[in-house]
Amino acid sequence: MTRYSLWEEPWIPVLSQAGEPSNFSIRSVLVQAHTLREVFDPSPLVTVAIHRLLLAFLYRVFRPRSVADWVGLWRTGRLDPDRLDGYGAAWADRFDLLDPTRPFYQVPRMADEKVHPISALVLEAASGNNPTLFDHGKVEGMEALPLDRAACHLLAHQLFAVGGGVSKPFNRMDGPLTKGLVVEARGRILFETLLLNLVPLDHWTSLVPDSGLDCPFWETETPPDPVREGSSPLGPIDYLTWQSRQIHLCVDEASQMVTGCQVRQRYCLPKDGRRIDPAKAYRRKEQEGWVPFKVDKQRAIWQFTHVLLQATNTDLARPYLTDWLATVDETGQREGLDVPEVIGMNVSGLTTHPERAAKIELWRREQLPVPTAILERPELVGDLEDLMRQAIRVESLLQRSGEALVWALSKRETFPLALTYLRTGKVSDVEVLKGIRILSRSLGMVTRYWPALEAPFRQALEELPYTEFAVVQENWRGAIRSVALQAFCGVRDNLLHAEAPFEILTRIEHAFRSRLVGIFAENMKEGSMDDEESDE
């Protein structure tokens, strides 16, 4: 049987500092992390999964328990190859992807389990009910994967496996990262990226207590049996290397290609309402306790920046990683460390179908440039929330304007009612709006609005710690006014070309512009835009 050691073979996709792609082994990517720009895969699932694997090695080899330990690692500027080589030699037999008795991140072939096409391993592939989420070429039609790509998707599957469906020893449950946003800090080089995400163990164990038996899964001599009610992680390292599925890669020995896979349920986390992952934001629910803050398929992730950064809301918990990055900034200033003043926060997440949990609807991955000065100043996050609140008020106006247009154009005699609805947000017959709302979405007024606001928002985020809030706010309001007018006028022009009545379009535009001015009036109070009096 051929051997394929992930410790020695090049399989991790990386970019050099010049942006040149290459593949590295686990050992080489860690030893040369200070010379590389980043781990980079077309799939964000794979990138996140590889980062977590590398972090597990850092925790196990270097054992950074305290902030002082972390500072020592940062100051070295690179990872000690001798310590890494010592660990690699001690566990060399556990990194073989093809080992017949202990294949890496797998189980031996299961005699009573069906062999699925290789697309069942690739979560982004159009397999069964799932649409293709990313462009990986002919993933669905692919009959085999090379060992390096199979290893990448194997890691991703263990973390992001989607629940739902019959399996053994019990029905399939979600992997540890399937629900909620996953936040990763990004440094200027890979070494910094790994260190910025390396929350000291003494900090992380406040979320995941160390049982005294914490170790990466490959060191476990006798893996425990799966439990339907959920298995608690033995500690942070066990959690990073969580095995949510029993997977076996079926390899053709002649071609050394993975031609299929067996997949069965393995471990699931208990549903005990606890915060567990430092990279996730959480929302408190009365019956369930803390649950991961989920991706909204109607909104981009940047629209929730205030959730990822806030520290005062008792019903929302920002990622613990954000707290750690604030500590990094404070420690860097005190210790004279060259810590980035602006940290990229890579945020990823998926949504599943509300009625069919096993169907992935979409994935998002965005990067937010966050000045570290914001993390230690809660008042700045409050200012950020104010900016977003203003944008949401205008979104509501655009939505009402679109509904008023559809309403008035569908039945001319209802024009006065539609105009009153636009101005006040009130309507006597709620039922009449149901069909109108569906039709108004096809105008695309709101979908034009938010994408055009992303660049001004990022500029406001970068300026917030260093510029008077009144100046940032005025620039932001100007951007909102401009973008909202462009969104409305674009729809108006399309309707004019379609020969919609000029009088209706003109009067609704006048009402829209009047309300837009009213939103930013200096005497406007906190609360719903719908409670304001008409401007006419």
Protein backbone atom coordinates (compact mmCIF):
# COMPACT_ATOMS: atom_id res chain seq x y z
CA MET A 1 0.00 0.00 0.00
CA THR A 2 1.38 3.40 -1.00
CA ARG A 3 1.89 5.95 1.78
CA TYR A 4 0.68 9.56 1.58
CA SER A 5 1.75 11.51 4.67
CA LEU A 6 0.13 14.93 5.00
CA TRP A 7 3.08 15.90 7.21
CA GLU A 8 5.48 15.40 4.29
CA GLU A 9 3.50 15.61 1.03
CA PRO A 10 2.63 19.00 -0.55
CA TRP A 11 -1.14 19.37 -0.40
CA ILE A 12 -1.96 22.69 1.35
CA PRO A 13 -2.64 25.48 -1.22
CA VAL A 14 -0.74 28.67 -0.36
CA LEU A 15 0.29 31.98 -1.90
CA SER A 16 3.81 33.32 -1.63
CA GLN A 17 4.30 36.96 -0.68
CA ALA A 18 4.56 37.66 -4.40
CA GLY A 19 1.16 36.03 -4.92
CA GLU A 20 2.46 32.86 -6.58
CA PRO A 21 0.41 29.71 -5.83
CA SER A 22 2.02 26.51 -4.58
CA ASN A 23 1.32 23.46 -2.42
CA PHE A 24 3.06 22.82 0.90
CA SER A 25 3.07 19.98 3.43
CA ILE A 26 1.95 20.53 7.02
CA ARG A 27 5.57 20.72 8.14
CA SER A 28 6.71 23.09 5.40
CA VAL A 29 3.74 25.46 5.74
CA LEU A 30 4.38 25.83 9.48
CA VAL A 31 8.16 26.12 9.21
CA GLN A 32 7.87 28.68 6.39
CA ALA A 33 4.77 30.52 7.63
CA HIS A 34 6.84 33.70 8.02
CA THR A 35 7.68 33.63 4.29
CA LEU A 36 4.15 33.00 2.97
CA ARG A 37 1.28 35.39 2.41
CA GLU A 38 -1.63 33.07 3.16
CA VAL A 39 -3.38 29.75 2.83
CA PHE A 40 -5.65 30.19 -0.15
CA ASP A 41 -8.20 27.80 -1.61
CA PRO A 42 -11.08 28.51 -4.01
CA SER A 43 -13.33 27.10 -1.30
CA PRO A 44 -13.64 29.17 1.89
CA LEU A 45 -14.62 25.95 3.70
CA VAL A 46 -11.25 24.43 2.88
CA THR A 47 -9.34 27.57 3.90
CA VAL A 48 -11.05 27.71 7.30
CA ALA A 49 -10.54 23.98 7.85
CA ILE A 50 -6.81 24.14 7.06
CA HIS A 51 -6.35 27.11 9.40
CA ARG A 52 -7.95 25.11 12.20
CA LEU A 53 -5.73 22.13 11.57
CA LEU A 54 -2.62 24.32 11.68
CA LEU A 55 -3.80 25.98 14.89
CA ALA A 56 -4.21 22.54 16.47
CA PHE A 57 -0.54 21.84 15.71
CA LEU A 58 0.52 25.16 17.24
CA TYR A 59 -1.46 24.52 20.41
CA ARG A 60 -0.06 21.00 20.75
CA VAL A 61 3.57 21.78 19.95
CA PHE A 62 4.04 25.22 21.54
CA ARG A 63 1.36 25.14 24.29
CA PRO A 64 0.67 28.91 24.53
CA ARG A 65 -1.21 29.03 27.83
CA SER A 66 -0.84 32.70 28.71
CA VAL A 67 -0.48 36.10 27.04
CA ALA A 68 3.21 35.99 27.98
CA ASP A 69 3.60 32.69 26.07
CA TRP A 70 1.90 34.27 23.08
CA VAL A 71 4.15 37.34 23.22
CA GLY A 72 7.19 35.04 23.21
CA LEU A 73 5.95 33.31 20.05
CA TRP A 74 5.17 36.60 18.30
CA ARG A 75 8.62 37.99 19.08
CA THR A 76 10.39 35.03 17.49
CA GLY A 77 8.80 35.95 14.15
CA ARG A 78 8.81 32.32 13.04
CA LEU A 79 7.95 28.82 14.30
CA ASP A 80 10.76 26.70 15.71
CA PRO A 81 11.46 23.90 13.17
CA ASP A 82 13.18 21.68 15.77
CA ARG A 83 10.11 21.52 17.98
CA LEU A 84 7.89 20.87 14.96
CA ASP A 85 10.20 18.12 13.70
CA GLY A 86 10.23 16.48 17.12
CA TYR A 87 6.45 16.34 17.17
CA GLY A 88 6.23 15.18 13.56
CA ALA A 89 8.65 12.32 14.23
CA ALA A 90 6.75 11.22 17.34
CA TRP A 91 3.42 10.93 15.49
CA ALA A 92 4.62 10.23 11.93
CA ASP A 93 2.39 7.18 11.48
CA ARG A 94 -0.79 9.16 12.25
CA PHE A 95 -0.65 11.56 9.27
CA ASP A 96 -0.96 8.94 6.51
CA LEU A 97 -4.07 9.50 4.43
CA LEU A 98 -3.89 5.91 3.11
CA ASP A 99 -3.05 3.95 6.26
CA PRO A 100 -5.20 0.77 6.25
CA THR A 101 -5.92 0.80 10.00
CA ARG A 102 -5.71 4.47 11.01
CA PRO A 103 -6.12 6.70 7.93
CA PHE A 104 -5.81 10.40 8.78
CA TYR A 105 -9.15 12.02 9.73
CA GLN A 106 -10.92 8.83 8.64
CA VAL A 107 -11.91 5.32 9.65
CA PRO A 108 -11.00 2.03 7.94
CA ARG A 109 -13.35 0.86 5.21
CA MET A 110 -16.85 0.16 6.59
CA ALA A 111 -18.11 -3.20 5.38
CA ASP A 112 -21.81 -2.34 5.59
CA GLU A 113 -21.67 1.25 4.31
CA LYS A 114 -22.53 2.40 0.78
CA VAL A 115 -19.78 3.94 -1.36
CA HIS A 116 -20.86 7.37 -2.61
CA PRO A 117 -19.51 9.31 -5.63
CA ILE A 118 -16.66 11.67 -4.77
CA SER A 119 -19.06 14.63 -5.03
CA ALA A 120 -20.53 13.52 -1.68
CA LEU A 121 -17.26 14.56 -0.05
CA VAL A 122 -17.23 18.05 -1.61
CA LEU A 123 -19.86 20.07 0.25
CA GLU A 124 -19.91 22.80 -2.43
CA ALA A 125 -20.67 20.30 -5.20
CA ALA A 126 -24.13 19.91 -6.66
CA SER A 127 -24.82 16.58 -5.00
CA GLY A 128 -28.40 15.50 -4.36
CA ASN A 129 -30.45 18.57 -3.35
CA ASN A 130 -27.49 20.95 -3.03
CA PRO A 131 -26.69 23.54 -5.70
CA THR A 132 -23.08 24.21 -6.64
CA LEU A 133 -21.86 27.03 -4.37
CA PHE A 134 -18.46 27.73 -5.91
CA ASP A 135 -16.88 27.28 -9.31
CA HIS A 136 -14.55 24.30 -8.98
CA GLY A 137 -14.79 23.19 -12.55
CA LYS A 138 -16.60 19.91 -13.13
CA VAL A 139 -16.95 18.87 -9.49
CA GLU A 140 -20.32 17.23 -9.98
CA GLY A 141 -19.22 15.24 -12.99
CA MET A 142 -15.79 14.47 -11.68
CA GLU A 143 -15.19 10.76 -11.20
CA ALA A 144 -12.07 11.07 -9.03
CA LEU A 145 -10.00 13.53 -7.00
CA PRO A 146 -6.23 13.62 -6.58
CA LEU A 147 -5.06 12.90 -3.04
CA ASP A 148 -4.14 16.51 -2.24
CA ARG A 149 -7.60 17.83 -3.14
CA ALA A 150 -9.33 14.95 -1.39
CA ALA A 151 -7.38 15.80 1.78
CA CYS A 152 -8.58 19.42 1.60
CA HIS A 153 -12.21 18.46 1.22
CA LEU A 154 -11.91 15.78 3.90
CA LEU A 155 -10.95 18.44 6.46
CA ALA A 156 -13.73 20.77 5.34
CA HIS A 157 -16.34 18.02 5.51
CA GLN A 158 -15.48 17.18 9.12
CA LEU A 159 -16.10 20.78 10.20
CA PHE A 160 -18.99 21.82 7.94
CA ALA A 161 -21.03 18.63 7.45
CA VAL A 162 -24.74 19.43 7.23
CA GLY A 163 -27.27 17.66 9.44
CA GLY A 164 -30.39 15.92 8.23
CA GLY A 165 -30.72 12.49 6.67
CA VAL A 166 -30.65 8.90 7.87
CA SER A 167 -27.34 7.48 9.08
CA LYS A 168 -25.73 5.25 11.69
CA PRO A 169 -25.32 5.16 14.66
CA PHE A 170 -27.93 7.97 14.58
CA ASN A 171 -29.20 10.46 12.03
CA ARG A 172 -26.83 13.09 10.73
CA MET A 173 -26.14 16.16 12.85
CA ASP A 174 -24.45 19.44 11.92
CA GLY A 175 -20.68 19.77 12.12
CA PRO A 176 -19.23 22.28 14.61
CA LEU A 177 -19.00 25.14 12.08
CA THR A 178 -22.11 24.46 10.01
CA LYS A 179 -24.28 27.04 11.77
CA GLY A 180 -23.27 30.62 12.36
CA LEU A 181 -20.59 33.03 11.18
CA VAL A 182 -16.93 32.02 11.47
CA VAL A 183 -14.53 34.93 12.06
CA GLU A 184 -10.80 34.72 11.35
CA ALA A 185 -8.23 37.46 11.84
CA ARG A 186 -5.88 37.99 8.92
CA GLY A 187 -2.36 39.32 9.32
CA ARG A 188 0.15 40.60 6.79
CA ILE A 189 1.76 37.15 6.46
CA LEU A 190 0.63 33.64 7.32
CA PHE A 191 2.68 33.60 10.55
CA GLU A 192 0.74 36.65 11.78
CA THR A 193 -2.58 35.16 10.69
CA LEU A 194 -1.95 32.03 12.73
CA LEU A 195 -0.75 33.95 15.79
CA LEU A 196 -3.63 36.43 15.71
CA ASN A 197 -6.08 33.51 15.85
CA LEU A 198 -4.07 31.66 18.51
CA VAL A 199 -6.13 32.58 21.57
CA PRO A 200 -4.05 31.51 24.63
CA LEU A 201 -5.36 28.30 26.16
CA ASP A 202 -6.01 29.94 29.54
CA HIS A 203 -8.40 32.30 27.74
CA TRP A 204 -10.10 29.71 25.53
CA THR A 205 -10.72 27.28 28.38
CA SER A 206 -13.23 29.75 29.80
CA LEU A 207 -15.39 28.55 26.88
CA VAL A 208 -14.15 24.95 26.51
CA PRO A 209 -12.73 23.62 29.80
CA ASP A 210 -9.62 21.45 29.49
CA SER A 211 -10.47 18.00 30.83
CA GLY A 212 -6.78 17.17 31.29
CA LEU A 213 -7.07 14.78 28.35
CA ASP A 214 -7.15 17.41 25.60
CA CYS A 215 -5.25 16.41 22.47
CA PRO A 216 -5.73 16.35 18.69
CA PHE A 217 -7.91 13.52 17.46
CA TRP A 218 -5.03 11.69 15.79
CA GLU A 219 -3.37 11.14 19.18
CA THR A 220 -6.43 9.44 20.67
CA GLU A 221 -5.60 5.77 21.08
CA THR A 222 -9.17 4.54 21.64
CA PRO A 223 -11.70 6.96 20.15
CA PRO A 224 -14.92 7.08 22.22
CA ASP A 225 -18.23 5.89 20.80
CA PRO A 226 -20.59 8.52 19.37
CA VAL A 227 -23.44 9.65 21.63
CA ARG A 228 -26.77 10.84 20.22
CA GLU A 229 -27.17 13.44 22.99
CA GLY A 230 -23.81 14.95 22.08
CA SER A 231 -20.18 14.63 23.16
CA SER A 232 -18.44 17.47 25.00
CA PRO A 233 -14.98 18.38 23.64
CA LEU A 234 -12.07 17.37 25.89
CA GLY A 235 -10.61 20.84 25.36
CA PRO A 236 -9.76 23.38 22.65
CA ILE A 237 -7.47 21.06 20.66
CA ASP A 238 -10.00 18.25 20.59
CA TYR A 239 -12.58 20.76 19.39
CA LEU A 240 -10.33 22.06 16.59
CA THR A 241 -9.87 18.51 15.26
CA TRP A 242 -13.50 17.45 15.75
CA GLN A 243 -14.65 14.40 13.79
CA SER A 244 -18.29 14.93 12.89
CA ARG A 245 -18.33 12.06 10.40
CA GLN A 246 -16.89 8.59 9.96
CA ILE A 247 -15.38 8.96 6.51
CA HIS A 248 -13.40 6.54 4.40
CA LEU A 249 -11.79 7.60 1.14
CA CYS A 250 -11.90 4.90 -1.53
CA VAL A 251 -8.64 5.08 -3.49
CA ASP A 252 -7.77 3.42 -6.79
CA GLU A 253 -4.28 2.01 -6.16
CA ALA A 254 -3.25 2.12 -9.80
CA SER A 255 -4.03 5.80 -10.37
CA GLN A 256 -3.71 6.94 -6.75
CA MET A 257 -6.95 8.87 -7.17
CA VAL A 258 -9.88 9.00 -4.74
CA THR A 259 -12.83 7.56 -6.66
CA GLY A 260 -15.51 7.52 -3.95
CA CYS A 261 -16.16 7.79 -0.24
CA GLN A 262 -18.14 6.33 2.62
CA VAL A 263 -19.75 8.82 5.00
CA ARG A 264 -21.49 8.05 8.29
CA GLN A 265 -22.45 10.13 11.32
CA ARG A 266 -19.89 10.30 14.13
CA TYR A 267 -19.69 12.94 16.90
CA CYS A 268 -22.09 15.82 17.52
CA LEU A 269 -21.93 18.62 20.05
CA PRO A 270 -24.46 18.74 22.89
CA LYS A 271 -27.24 21.31 22.51
CA ASP A 272 -26.68 22.89 25.90
CA GLY A 273 -26.90 26.57 24.99
CA ARG A 274 -23.24 27.31 25.77
CA ARG A 275 -20.81 29.49 23.88
CA ILE A 276 -18.01 27.23 22.75
CA ASP A 277 -16.26 28.64 19.69
CA PRO A 278 -14.14 31.81 20.03
CA ALA A 279 -14.62 32.53 16.31
CA LYS A 280 -18.43 32.72 16.46
CA ALA A 281 -20.87 35.45 17.46
CA TYR A 282 -23.82 34.23 19.53
CA ARG A 283 -27.40 35.33 20.15
CA ARG A 284 -29.22 34.52 23.39
CA LYS A 285 -32.62 32.81 23.06
CA GLU A 286 -34.95 32.33 25.99
CA GLN A 287 -35.46 28.58 25.60
CA GLU A 288 -32.21 27.54 23.89
CA GLY A 289 -29.60 29.71 25.58
CA TRP A 290 -26.72 30.87 23.38
CA VAL A 291 -27.07 29.94 19.71
CA PRO A 292 -24.71 30.92 16.87
CA PHE A 293 -25.53 34.19 15.11
CA LYS A 294 -26.53 33.05 11.63
CA VAL A 295 -26.01 34.34 8.14
CA ASP A 296 -28.96 36.23 6.69
CA LYS A 297 -29.33 35.34 3.02
CA GLN A 298 -30.92 38.73 2.38
CA ARG A 299 -27.98 40.73 3.79
CA ALA A 300 -24.24 40.83 3.28
CA ILE A 301 -22.05 40.10 6.29
CA TRP A 302 -20.66 43.66 6.46
CA GLN A 303 -24.12 44.84 7.44
CA PHE A 304 -23.62 43.00 10.75
CA THR A 305 -20.22 44.50 11.54
CA HIS A 306 -21.59 46.10 14.71
CA VAL A 307 -22.66 42.64 15.94
CA LEU A 308 -19.15 41.27 15.43
CA LEU A 309 -17.56 44.20 17.27
CA GLN A 310 -20.05 45.19 20.00
CA ALA A 311 -19.27 44.36 23.63
CA THR A 312 -22.25 45.75 25.57
CA ASN A 313 -25.41 44.04 24.27
CA THR A 314 -26.49 41.40 26.79
CA ASP A 315 -28.43 39.39 24.20
CA LEU A 316 -25.61 39.35 21.64
CA ALA A 317 -22.10 38.07 22.30
CA ARG A 318 -19.41 39.14 19.89
CA PRO A 319 -16.83 36.47 18.99
CA TYR A 320 -14.38 35.92 21.84
CA LEU A 321 -11.72 36.32 19.15
CA THR A 322 -12.68 40.01 19.04
CA ASP A 323 -11.93 40.30 22.77
CA TRP A 324 -8.61 38.59 22.16
CA LEU A 325 -7.71 40.96 19.33
CA ALA A 326 -8.39 43.89 21.68
CA THR A 327 -5.93 42.26 24.12
CA VAL A 328 -3.42 41.83 21.29
CA ASP A 329 -3.65 45.54 20.48
CA GLU A 330 -3.22 46.55 24.13
CA THR A 331 -0.38 44.06 24.66
CA GLY A 332 1.31 45.13 21.44
CA GLN A 333 1.40 48.75 22.57
CA ARG A 334 2.66 47.81 26.03
CA GLU A 335 5.30 45.35 24.83
CA GLY A 336 6.39 47.27 21.74
CA LEU A 337 5.23 44.57 19.31
CA ASP A 338 4.76 45.27 15.62
CA VAL A 339 1.05 44.39 15.64
CA PRO A 340 -1.03 45.55 12.63
CA GLU A 341 -3.10 48.70 13.26
CA VAL A 342 -5.76 47.38 10.88
CA ILE A 343 -6.63 43.69 11.03
CA GLY A 344 -8.55 42.00 8.27
CA MET A 345 -11.44 39.98 9.67
CA ASN A 346 -12.41 37.20 7.29
CA VAL A 347 -16.03 36.27 7.98
CA SER A 348 -17.60 33.14 6.50
CA GLY A 349 -20.96 31.45 6.92
CA LEU A 350 -23.64 29.39 5.24
CA THR A 351 -27.39 29.23 5.30
CA THR A 352 -29.49 26.10 5.03
CA HIS A 353 -33.05 25.77 3.81
CA PRO A 354 -35.52 26.61 6.63
CA GLU A 355 -37.58 23.49 5.93
CA ARG A 356 -34.90 21.15 4.58
CA ALA A 357 -31.92 21.41 6.93
CA ALA A 358 -29.69 19.24 4.72
CA LYS A 359 -29.95 21.66 1.78
CA ILE A 360 -27.30 24.40 1.66
CA GLU A 361 -28.73 27.62 0.18
CA LEU A 362 -25.63 29.81 0.01
CA TRP A 363 -22.24 30.63 1.43
CA ARG A 364 -20.78 34.03 2.18
CA ARG A 365 -17.16 35.02 2.75
CA GLU A 366 -16.15 38.64 3.19
CA GLN A 367 -13.21 40.52 4.63
CA LEU A 368 -13.67 43.54 6.89
CA PRO A 369 -10.72 45.88 7.55
CA VAL A 370 -11.05 46.59 11.28
CA PRO A 371 -8.87 49.23 12.98
CA THR A 372 -7.75 47.64 16.27
CA ALA A 373 -8.50 50.95 18.05
CA ILE A 374 -12.24 50.23 17.65
CA LEU A 375 -12.02 46.99 19.63
CA GLU A 376 -11.19 48.72 22.91
CA ARG A 377 -13.69 51.57 22.58
CA PRO A 378 -17.34 50.43 22.90
CA GLU A 379 -18.60 53.94 22.12
CA LEU A 380 -17.19 53.62 18.59
CA VAL A 381 -19.18 50.43 18.05
CA GLY A 382 -22.26 52.34 19.23
CA ASP A 383 -21.48 54.99 16.61
CA LEU A 384 -21.12 52.23 14.01
CA GLU A 385 -24.53 50.88 14.98
CA ASP A 386 -26.00 54.38 14.56
CA LEU A 387 -24.62 54.55 11.03
CA MET A 388 -26.16 51.20 10.16
CA ARG A 389 -29.49 52.20 11.73
CA GLN A 390 -29.66 55.23 9.44
CA ALA A 391 -29.05 53.03 6.40
CA ILE A 392 -31.77 50.61 7.48
CA ARG A 393 -34.27 53.48 7.82
CA VAL A 394 -33.60 54.49 4.25
CA GLU A 395 -33.88 50.86 3.14
CA SER A 396 -37.37 50.85 4.68
CA LEU A 397 -38.23 54.00 2.73
CA LEU A 398 -37.01 52.46 -0.53
CA GLN A 399 -39.02 49.33 0.15
CA ARG A 400 -42.18 51.34 0.82
CA SER A 401 -41.57 53.47 -2.26
CA GLY A 402 -41.36 50.38 -4.44
CA GLU A 403 -44.54 49.00 -2.91
CA ALA A 404 -46.31 52.32 -3.43
CA LEU A 405 -45.27 52.36 -7.08
CA VAL A 406 -46.61 48.84 -7.70
CA TRP A 407 -49.80 49.61 -5.80
CA ALA A 408 -50.52 52.85 -7.66
CA LEU A 409 -49.64 51.44 -11.08
CA SER A 410 -51.76 48.33 -10.63
CA LYS A 411 -54.94 50.31 -9.83
CA ARG A 412 -54.89 54.02 -10.54
CA GLU A 413 -57.80 54.71 -8.20
CA THR A 414 -55.68 53.49 -5.26
CA PHE A 415 -53.02 56.14 -5.92
CA PRO A 416 -53.99 58.35 -2.92
CA LEU A 417 -53.81 55.31 -0.59
CA ALA A 418 -50.41 54.33 -2.00
CA LEU A 419 -49.09 57.85 -1.52
CA THR A 420 -50.31 57.97 2.08
CA TYR A 421 -48.66 54.59 2.72
CA LEU A 422 -45.32 55.84 1.35
CA ARG A 423 -45.44 58.92 3.59
CA THR A 424 -46.59 57.29 6.84
CA GLY A 425 -45.97 53.57 6.51
CA LYS A 426 -49.57 52.96 7.58
CA VAL A 427 -52.28 51.11 5.70
CA SER A 428 -55.82 50.18 6.75
CA ASP A 429 -55.91 46.86 4.88
CA VAL A 430 -52.72 44.86 5.52
CA GLU A 431 -53.83 42.06 3.20
CA VAL A 432 -53.57 44.31 0.18
CA LEU A 433 -49.80 44.62 0.71
CA LYS A 434 -49.00 40.89 0.54
CA GLY A 435 -49.09 40.54 -3.23
CA ILE A 436 -47.71 44.02 -3.75
CA ARG A 437 -44.61 43.27 -1.67
CA ILE A 438 -43.72 40.27 -3.77
CA LEU A 439 -44.07 42.25 -7.01
CA SER A 440 -42.18 45.26 -5.67
CA ARG A 441 -39.08 43.12 -5.00
CA SER A 442 -38.79 42.53 -8.75
CA LEU A 443 -38.15 46.27 -9.21
CA GLY A 444 -34.76 45.74 -7.55
CA MET A 445 -34.76 49.03 -5.65
CA VAL A 446 -33.34 47.59 -2.41
CA THR A 447 -30.98 45.21 -4.20
CA ARG A 448 -29.42 48.22 -5.96
CA TYR A 449 -29.06 50.08 -2.67
CA TRP A 450 -26.99 47.88 -0.34
CA PRO A 451 -24.15 46.83 -2.68
CA ALA A 452 -23.49 50.49 -3.54
CA LEU A 453 -23.17 51.32 0.18
CA GLU A 454 -20.44 48.78 0.92
CA ALA A 455 -17.50 50.96 -0.16
CA PRO A 456 -18.70 54.05 1.81
CA PHE A 457 -19.27 51.83 4.86
CA ARG A 458 -15.75 50.41 4.72
CA GLN A 459 -14.39 53.95 4.47
CA ALA A 460 -16.44 55.00 7.52
CA LEU A 461 -15.19 51.95 9.43
CA GLU A 462 -11.56 52.84 8.74
CA GLU A 463 -12.03 56.53 9.60
CA LEU A 464 -14.11 56.10 12.75
CA PRO A 465 -11.28 55.89 15.35
CA TYR A 466 -9.38 58.85 13.92
CA THR A 467 -12.05 61.31 12.72
CA GLU A 468 -14.76 63.30 14.52
CA PHE A 469 -17.97 61.28 14.47
CA ALA A 470 -19.93 64.26 13.13
CA VAL A 471 -17.69 64.31 10.05
CA VAL A 472 -17.92 60.53 9.53
CA GLN A 473 -21.69 60.69 9.96
CA GLU A 474 -22.15 63.53 7.50
CA ASN A 475 -20.08 61.70 4.87
CA TRP A 476 -22.09 58.55 5.48
CA ARG A 477 -25.41 60.38 5.23
CA GLY A 478 -24.27 61.93 1.98
CA ALA A 479 -23.43 58.49 0.61
CA ILE A 480 -26.82 57.12 1.72
CA ARG A 481 -28.69 60.01 0.07
CA SER A 482 -26.77 59.63 -3.17
CA VAL A 483 -27.10 55.84 -3.34
CA ALA A 484 -30.80 55.88 -2.41
CA LEU A 485 -31.58 58.46 -5.09
CA GLN A 486 -29.68 56.44 -7.69
CA ALA A 487 -31.59 53.30 -6.69
CA PHE A 488 -34.96 55.05 -6.91
CA CYS A 489 -34.21 56.94 -10.14
CA GLY A 490 -32.91 53.79 -11.83
CA VAL A 491 -36.26 52.09 -11.21
CA ARG A 492 -38.17 55.25 -12.17
CA ASP A 493 -36.33 55.45 -15.51
CA ASN A 494 -37.08 51.81 -16.29
CA LEU A 495 -40.76 52.41 -15.61
CA LEU A 496 -40.73 55.52 -17.80
CA HIS A 497 -39.31 53.44 -20.65
CA ALA A 498 -42.15 51.00 -20.04
CA GLU A 499 -44.57 53.96 -20.48
CA ALA A 500 -45.80 54.07 -16.89
CA PRO A 501 -47.97 57.15 -16.13
CA PHE A 502 -45.71 60.17 -15.70
CA GLU A 503 -47.97 61.82 -13.11
CA ILE A 504 -47.82 58.83 -10.75
CA LEU A 505 -44.04 58.49 -11.07
CA THR A 506 -43.49 62.20 -10.49
CA ARG A 507 -45.66 62.48 -7.39
CA ILE A 508 -44.25 59.34 -5.80
CA GLU A 509 -40.73 60.59 -6.52
CA HIS A 510 -41.58 63.89 -4.85
CA ALA A 511 -42.91 62.08 -1.77
CA PHE A 512 -39.83 59.85 -1.70
CA ARG A 513 -37.42 62.78 -1.87
CA SER A 514 -39.36 64.62 0.84
CA ARG A 515 -39.24 61.63 3.21
CA LEU A 516 -35.52 61.13 2.47
CA VAL A 517 -34.83 64.68 3.61
CA GLY A 518 -36.95 64.11 6.71
CA ILE A 519 -34.96 61.07 7.78
CA PHE A 520 -31.83 63.15 8.27
CA ALA A 521 -33.51 66.17 9.84
CA GLU A 522 -31.58 67.31 12.90
CA ASN A 523 -34.58 66.99 15.20
CA MET A 524 -35.28 63.37 14.21
CA LYS A 525 -35.69 61.17 17.27
CA GLU A 526 -34.68 57.54 17.75
CA GLY A 527 -37.38 55.13 16.66
CA SER A 528 -39.17 53.83 13.65
CA MET A 529 -39.38 55.93 10.53
CA ASP A 530 -42.99 54.82 10.24
CA ASP A 531 -43.91 56.85 13.33
CA GLU A 532 -42.85 60.17 11.79
CA GLU A 533 -45.39 62.65 10.56
CA SER A 534 -45.79 63.30 6.88
CA ASP A 535 -43.65 66.07 5.42
CA GLU A 536 -46.56 67.36 3.38
